Amino acid sequence: MNEIGKILIIIGLLIAALGALLWLGFGKSWLGRLPGDIHYSKGDFHFYFPMATCLILSILLTLILWLLRK
């Protein structure tokens, strides 16, 4: 149980740090506007799916969790 508590604290701190960076404006110009992000609008209909952004965030989180496991 002690290991789970440590992992939860680390994940919480990482999420808080990421939230603080986004709140301060880091990534505002490029996050969600990468090539590969899908944006379609026609009239009143708007569809947006940040596929490239999701892939990059997934790779970063995978690397961080892999490093924490070692």
C-alpha atoms as a PDB file:
ATOM      1  CA  MET A   1       0.000   0.000   0.000  1.00  0.00           C
ATOM      2  CA  ASN A   2       2.908   2.351   0.638  1.00  0.00           C
ATOM      3  CA  GLU A   3       4.006   2.189  -3.034  1.00  0.00           C
ATOM      4  CA  ILE A   4       0.524   3.081  -4.295  1.00  0.00           C
ATOM      5  CA  GLY A   5       0.494   6.186  -2.121  1.00  0.00           C
ATOM      6  CA  LYS A   6       3.849   7.328  -3.487  1.00  0.00           C
ATOM      7  CA  ILE A   7       2.739   6.769  -7.066  1.00  0.00           C
ATOM      8  CA  LEU A   8      -0.500   8.691  -6.520  1.00  0.00           C
ATOM      9  CA  ILE A   9       1.384  11.627  -5.000  1.00  0.00           C
ATOM     10  CA  ILE A  10       3.859  11.715  -7.898  1.00  0.00           C
ATOM     11  CA  ILE A  11       1.073  11.556 -10.487  1.00  0.00           C
ATOM     12  CA  GLY A  12      -0.838  14.296  -8.671  1.00  0.00           C
ATOM     13  CA  LEU A  13       2.220  16.548  -8.592  1.00  0.00           C
ATOM     14  CA  LEU A  14       2.868  15.952 -12.295  1.00  0.00           C
ATOM     15  CA  ILE A  15      -0.727  16.820 -13.160  1.00  0.00           C
ATOM     16  CA  ALA A  16      -0.571  19.950 -10.990  1.00  0.00           C
ATOM     17  CA  ALA A  17       2.701  21.028 -12.629  1.00  0.00           C
ATOM     18  CA  LEU A  18       1.275  20.469 -16.105  1.00  0.00           C
ATOM     19  CA  GLY A  19      -1.856  22.398 -15.169  1.00  0.00           C
ATOM     20  CA  ALA A  20       0.219  25.290 -13.837  1.00  0.00           C
ATOM     21  CA  LEU A  21       2.263  25.419 -17.045  1.00  0.00           C
ATOM     22  CA  LEU A  22      -0.866  25.442 -19.190  1.00  0.00           C
ATOM     23  CA  TRP A  23      -2.490  28.051 -16.949  1.00  0.00           C
ATOM     24  CA  LEU A  24       0.525  30.333 -17.329  1.00  0.00           C
ATOM     25  CA  GLY A  25       0.250  30.101 -21.112  1.00  0.00           C
ATOM     26  CA  PHE A  26       2.955  27.567 -21.942  1.00  0.00           C
ATOM     27  CA  GLY A  27       1.972  25.766 -25.126  1.00  0.00           C
ATOM     28  CA  LYS A  28      -0.839  28.170 -25.906  1.00  0.00           C
ATOM     29  CA  SER A  29       0.427  28.859 -29.402  1.00  0.00           C
ATOM     30  CA  TRP A  30       1.111  25.283 -30.499  1.00  0.00           C
ATOM     31  CA  LEU A  31      -0.787  22.924 -28.207  1.00  0.00           C
ATOM     32  CA  GLY A  32      -3.809  21.693 -30.126  1.00  0.00           C
ATOM     33  CA  ARG A  33      -2.728  23.294 -33.400  1.00  0.00           C
ATOM     34  CA  LEU A  34      -0.223  20.755 -34.624  1.00  0.00           C
ATOM     35  CA  PRO A  35      -0.187  19.303 -38.128  1.00  0.00           C
ATOM     36  CA  GLY A  36      -2.308  16.200 -37.870  1.00  0.00           C
ATOM     37  CA  ASP A  37      -4.973  17.748 -35.647  1.00  0.00           C
ATOM     38  CA  ILE A  38      -8.337  17.451 -37.347  1.00  0.00           C
ATOM     39  CA  HIS A  39     -10.508  20.552 -37.553  1.00  0.00           C
ATOM     40  CA  TYR A  40     -13.632  20.672 -39.687  1.00  0.00           C
ATOM     41  CA  SER A  41     -16.247  23.383 -39.718  1.00  0.00           C
ATOM     42  CA  LYS A  42     -19.169  23.993 -42.009  1.00  0.00           C
ATOM     43  CA  GLY A  43     -21.815  26.515 -41.108  1.00  0.00           C
ATOM     44  CA  ASP A  44     -22.822  26.038 -37.482  1.00  0.00           C
ATOM     45  CA  PHE A  45     -21.143  22.627 -37.224  1.00  0.00           C
ATOM     46  CA  HIS A  46     -17.626  22.432 -35.785  1.00  0.00           C
ATOM     47  CA  PHE A  47     -15.646  19.247 -35.239  1.00  0.00           C
ATOM     48  CA  TYR A  48     -12.190  19.228 -33.684  1.00  0.00           C
ATOM     49  CA  PHE A  49     -10.040  16.246 -32.764  1.00  0.00           C
ATOM     50  CA  PRO A  50      -6.422  16.912 -31.688  1.00  0.00           C
ATOM     51  CA  MET A  51      -4.961  13.609 -32.929  1.00  0.00           C
ATOM     52  CA  ALA A  52      -1.299  14.707 -33.171  1.00  0.00           C
ATOM     53  CA  THR A  53      -1.473  16.456 -29.793  1.00  0.00           C
ATOM     54  CA  CYS A  54      -2.923  13.316 -28.197  1.00  0.00           C
ATOM     55  CA  LEU A  55      -0.144  11.179 -29.697  1.00  0.00           C
ATOM     56  CA  ILE A  56       2.598  13.482 -28.417  1.00  0.00           C
ATOM     57  CA  LEU A  57       1.079  13.649 -24.927  1.00  0.00           C
ATOM     58  CA  SER A  58       0.703   9.876 -24.900  1.00  0.00           C
ATOM     59  CA  ILE A  59       4.357   9.386 -25.825  1.00  0.00           C
ATOM     60  CA  LEU A  60       5.494  11.855 -23.147  1.00  0.00           C
ATOM     61  CA  LEU A  61       3.371  10.225 -20.446  1.00  0.00           C
ATOM     62  CA  THR A  62       4.599   6.771 -21.482  1.00  0.00           C
ATOM     63  CA  LEU A  63       8.219   7.899 -21.191  1.00  0.00           C
ATOM     64  CA  ILE A  64       7.638   9.531 -17.803  1.00  0.00           C
ATOM     65  CA  LEU A  65       5.891   6.478 -16.381  1.00  0.00           C
ATOM     66  CA  TRP A  66       8.566   4.198 -17.839  1.00  0.00           C
ATOM     67  CA  LEU A  67      11.290   6.263 -16.152  1.00  0.00           C
ATOM     68  CA  LEU A  68       9.414   6.235 -12.822  1.00  0.00           C
ATOM     69  CA  ARG A  69       9.130   2.464 -12.969  1.00  0.00           C
ATOM     70  CA  LYS A  70      12.895   1.943 -13.164  1.00  0.00           C
END
